[in-house]
């Protein structure tokens, strides 16, 4: 079983948990279709950076 060697200070603990308090994820708008999606992810229609990269169920 893993056992910590040194106690993590409150400052370092706070830095470790910093991502827990992010508000909303950053969103981007696809320039060709106008869809809103998470940055660096494909849009719901399968478009990424103006190119069709994934076939969707309707196709």
N, C-alpha and C. Protein backbone atom coordinates (compact mmCIF):
# COMPACT_ATOMS: atom_id res chain seq x y z
N UNK A 1 0.84 -1.18 0.00
CA UNK A 1 0.00 0.00 0.00
C UNK A 1 0.89 1.24 0.00
N UNK A 2 0.45 2.27 -0.75
CA UNK A 2 1.23 3.51 -0.84
C UNK A 2 1.05 4.35 0.42
N UNK A 3 2.16 4.83 0.96
CA UNK A 3 2.13 5.68 2.15
C UNK A 3 2.94 6.93 1.83
N UNK A 4 2.36 8.10 2.10
CA UNK A 4 3.06 9.34 1.80
C UNK A 4 4.28 9.49 2.71
N UNK A 5 5.33 10.07 2.16
CA UNK A 5 6.55 10.25 2.92
C UNK A 5 6.53 11.54 3.71
N UNK A 6 5.97 12.59 3.12
CA UNK A 6 5.91 13.89 3.78
C UNK A 6 4.48 14.43 3.72
N UNK A 7 4.12 15.20 4.76
CA UNK A 7 2.78 15.78 4.80
C UNK A 7 2.68 16.90 3.76
N UNK A 8 1.58 16.92 3.02
CA UNK A 8 1.34 17.98 2.05
C UNK A 8 0.84 19.21 2.78
N UNK A 9 1.49 20.35 2.56
CA UNK A 9 1.12 21.59 3.26
C UNK A 9 -0.24 22.09 2.76
N UNK A 10 -0.93 22.93 3.54
CA UNK A 10 -2.22 23.48 3.10
C UNK A 10 -2.11 24.24 1.78
N UNK A 11 -0.98 24.91 1.55
CA UNK A 11 -0.80 25.64 0.30
C UNK A 11 -0.76 24.68 -0.88
N UNK A 12 0.03 23.63 -0.76
CA UNK A 12 0.14 22.66 -1.85
C UNK A 12 -1.19 21.91 -2.03
N UNK A 13 -1.88 21.63 -0.95
CA UNK A 13 -3.17 20.96 -1.03
C UNK A 13 -4.16 21.83 -1.80
N UNK A 14 -4.12 23.14 -1.54
CA UNK A 14 -4.99 24.06 -2.25
C UNK A 14 -4.67 24.13 -3.73
N UNK A 15 -3.39 24.06 -4.08
CA UNK A 15 -2.98 24.07 -5.48
C UNK A 15 -3.45 22.80 -6.18
N UNK A 16 -3.42 21.69 -5.45
CA UNK A 16 -3.84 20.41 -6.01
C UNK A 16 -5.33 20.42 -6.31
N UNK A 17 -6.11 21.13 -5.52
CA UNK A 17 -7.56 21.16 -5.68
C UNK A 17 -8.04 22.35 -6.49
N UNK A 18 -7.14 23.09 -7.09
CA UNK A 18 -7.52 24.33 -7.76
C UNK A 18 -8.51 24.09 -8.89
N UNK A 19 -8.40 22.98 -9.60
CA UNK A 19 -9.28 22.73 -10.74
C UNK A 19 -10.71 22.40 -10.31
N UNK A 20 -10.93 22.09 -9.03
CA UNK A 20 -12.28 21.77 -8.57
C UNK A 20 -13.20 22.97 -8.61
N UNK A 21 -12.65 24.17 -8.64
CA UNK A 21 -13.46 25.37 -8.52
C UNK A 21 -13.59 26.13 -9.82
N UNK A 22 -13.27 25.49 -10.95
CA UNK A 22 -13.45 26.16 -12.23
C UNK A 22 -14.94 26.33 -12.48
N UNK A 23 -15.33 27.44 -13.05
CA UNK A 23 -16.75 27.70 -13.27
C UNK A 23 -17.27 26.83 -14.41
N UNK A 24 -17.36 27.35 -15.58
CA UNK A 24 -17.88 26.59 -16.72
C UNK A 24 -16.72 26.20 -17.64
N UNK A 25 -16.84 25.08 -18.35
CA UNK A 25 -15.76 24.70 -19.27
C UNK A 25 -15.69 25.70 -20.42
N UNK A 26 -14.50 25.93 -20.96
CA UNK A 26 -14.39 26.87 -22.07
C UNK A 26 -15.06 26.30 -23.32
N UNK A 27 -15.89 27.10 -23.95
CA UNK A 27 -16.62 26.66 -25.13
C UNK A 27 -16.12 27.40 -26.36
N UNK A 28 -16.26 26.77 -27.50
CA UNK A 28 -15.88 27.37 -28.77
C UNK A 28 -17.05 27.24 -29.74
N UNK A 29 -17.06 28.08 -30.74
CA UNK A 29 -18.09 28.03 -31.78
C UNK A 29 -17.43 27.55 -33.07
N UNK A 30 -17.98 26.51 -33.65
CA UNK A 30 -17.46 25.97 -34.90
C UNK A 30 -17.71 26.99 -36.01
N UNK A 31 -16.65 27.43 -36.71
CA UNK A 31 -16.84 28.50 -37.71
C UNK A 31 -17.71 28.10 -38.89
N UNK A 32 -17.70 26.84 -39.29
CA UNK A 32 -18.46 26.45 -40.49
C UNK A 32 -19.92 26.17 -40.17
N UNK A 33 -20.21 25.51 -39.05
CA UNK A 33 -21.58 25.14 -38.74
C UNK A 33 -22.22 26.02 -37.69
N UNK A 34 -21.43 26.73 -36.89
CA UNK A 34 -21.97 27.59 -35.85
C UNK A 34 -22.35 26.86 -34.58
N UNK A 35 -21.96 25.58 -34.46
CA UNK A 35 -22.29 24.79 -33.27
C UNK A 35 -21.35 25.13 -32.12
N UNK A 36 -21.88 25.02 -30.92
CA UNK A 36 -21.07 25.26 -29.71
C UNK A 36 -20.55 23.92 -29.21
N UNK A 37 -19.26 23.86 -28.92
CA UNK A 37 -18.65 22.62 -28.43
C UNK A 37 -17.50 22.98 -27.50
N UNK A 38 -17.01 21.99 -26.75
CA UNK A 38 -15.86 22.20 -25.88
C UNK A 38 -14.62 22.42 -26.75
N UNK A 39 -13.73 23.28 -26.28
CA UNK A 39 -12.51 23.55 -27.04
C UNK A 39 -11.68 22.27 -27.18
N UNK A 40 -11.05 22.10 -28.32
CA UNK A 40 -10.19 20.96 -28.65
C UNK A 40 -10.97 19.64 -28.70
N UNK A 41 -12.29 19.70 -28.90
CA UNK A 41 -13.12 18.52 -29.09
C UNK A 41 -13.92 18.70 -30.37
N UNK A 42 -14.38 17.60 -30.95
CA UNK A 42 -15.19 17.71 -32.15
C UNK A 42 -16.59 18.19 -31.77
N UNK A 43 -17.27 18.79 -32.73
CA UNK A 43 -18.63 19.28 -32.49
C UNK A 43 -19.60 18.09 -32.56
N UNK A 44 -20.84 18.27 -32.12
CA UNK A 44 -21.82 17.16 -32.16
C UNK A 44 -22.06 16.60 -33.56
N UNK A 45 -21.84 17.39 -34.59
CA UNK A 45 -22.06 16.89 -35.95
C UNK A 45 -20.81 16.24 -36.54
N UNK A 46 -19.72 16.14 -35.77
CA UNK A 46 -18.51 15.46 -36.22
C UNK A 46 -17.54 16.35 -36.97
N UNK A 47 -17.63 17.67 -36.78
CA UNK A 47 -16.74 18.61 -37.47
C UNK A 47 -15.69 19.10 -36.49
N UNK A 48 -14.43 19.18 -36.96
CA UNK A 48 -13.35 19.73 -36.13
C UNK A 48 -12.54 20.67 -36.99
N UNK A 49 -12.45 21.92 -36.57
CA UNK A 49 -11.68 22.96 -37.26
C UNK A 49 -12.06 23.07 -38.73
N UNK A 50 -13.36 23.00 -39.01
CA UNK A 50 -13.85 23.20 -40.37
C UNK A 50 -13.84 21.97 -41.24
N UNK A 51 -13.39 20.83 -40.74
CA UNK A 51 -13.35 19.61 -41.54
C UNK A 51 -14.21 18.53 -40.92
N UNK A 52 -14.87 17.75 -41.73
CA UNK A 52 -15.68 16.63 -41.26
C UNK A 52 -14.73 15.48 -40.93
N UNK A 53 -14.67 15.05 -39.65
CA UNK A 53 -13.72 14.03 -39.26
C UNK A 53 -14.39 12.74 -38.80
N UNK A 54 -15.68 12.79 -38.41
CA UNK A 54 -16.37 11.61 -37.91
C UNK A 54 -17.74 11.55 -38.55
N UNK A 55 -18.13 10.35 -39.02
CA UNK A 55 -19.48 10.18 -39.53
C UNK A 55 -20.45 10.06 -38.36
N UNK A 56 -21.57 10.78 -38.44
CA UNK A 56 -22.59 10.71 -37.41
C UNK A 56 -23.63 9.66 -37.77
N UNK A 57 -24.56 9.40 -36.86
CA UNK A 57 -25.56 8.36 -37.08
C UNK A 57 -26.47 8.67 -38.27
N UNK A 58 -26.75 9.92 -38.50
CA UNK A 58 -27.66 10.31 -39.58
C UNK A 58 -27.08 10.16 -40.97
N UNK A 59 -25.81 9.91 -41.09
CA UNK A 59 -25.17 9.84 -42.42
C UNK A 59 -25.07 8.44 -42.93
